[in-house]
């Protein structure tokens, strides 16, 4: 019998508290004896491979990020009770559509439809999906892209994608972080008490 698992994805534009959220939730769940796998921001890895990212995102870079994200999630679910995903699959599509808008580019309807179909199907795999809200009063983290127009566009487009594929996603703002962290931990722990762990 397959052991129960729980996957949490947190999406949103850069420097909106995603990595901090993942660290806090992981610490609390590990403190309760659960094994936690973490999937980090794959855009940097895509860039290191040679793909353009951020406002230069393309169909190819987005497809690579989506495929690599899905691969890493599947692998992490083999060995972890809980998998925390900093930038789940829908996030990549939001970044692409933001990049296309900001740079006045386009891709074919067929390629966009392909990505939308993959994202919509995969979004159901997350037991909990969280979307961050951009607070312009919070400064960018170190070594972050400083293009404010793209950062805002990414926030809007990621939110639009999440609203389409998972309208019940939880909103995390700079004011309700503690509540969202506590709720995520409670839901994950509840899954294991129901599963008999």
Foldseek 3Di string as FASTA:
>chain_A
DDAAAAEEEEAAFAPQCQVVLVVLLCVVVVVVVWFEAEAEDCLVVLVVVPADFALRHDLVSLVVRQVVLVVVVVVCSVPGRYYYYYQHSLLSLLRVVLSCVVVVHDDDPVSNVVSLVSCLVCVVVHPAYEYEADDPVRDGDPPDDPPPSSSVSSRVSSVVSCCVRPVPHHYDYPPCSVVVSVVVNVVSVVSNVVSVD
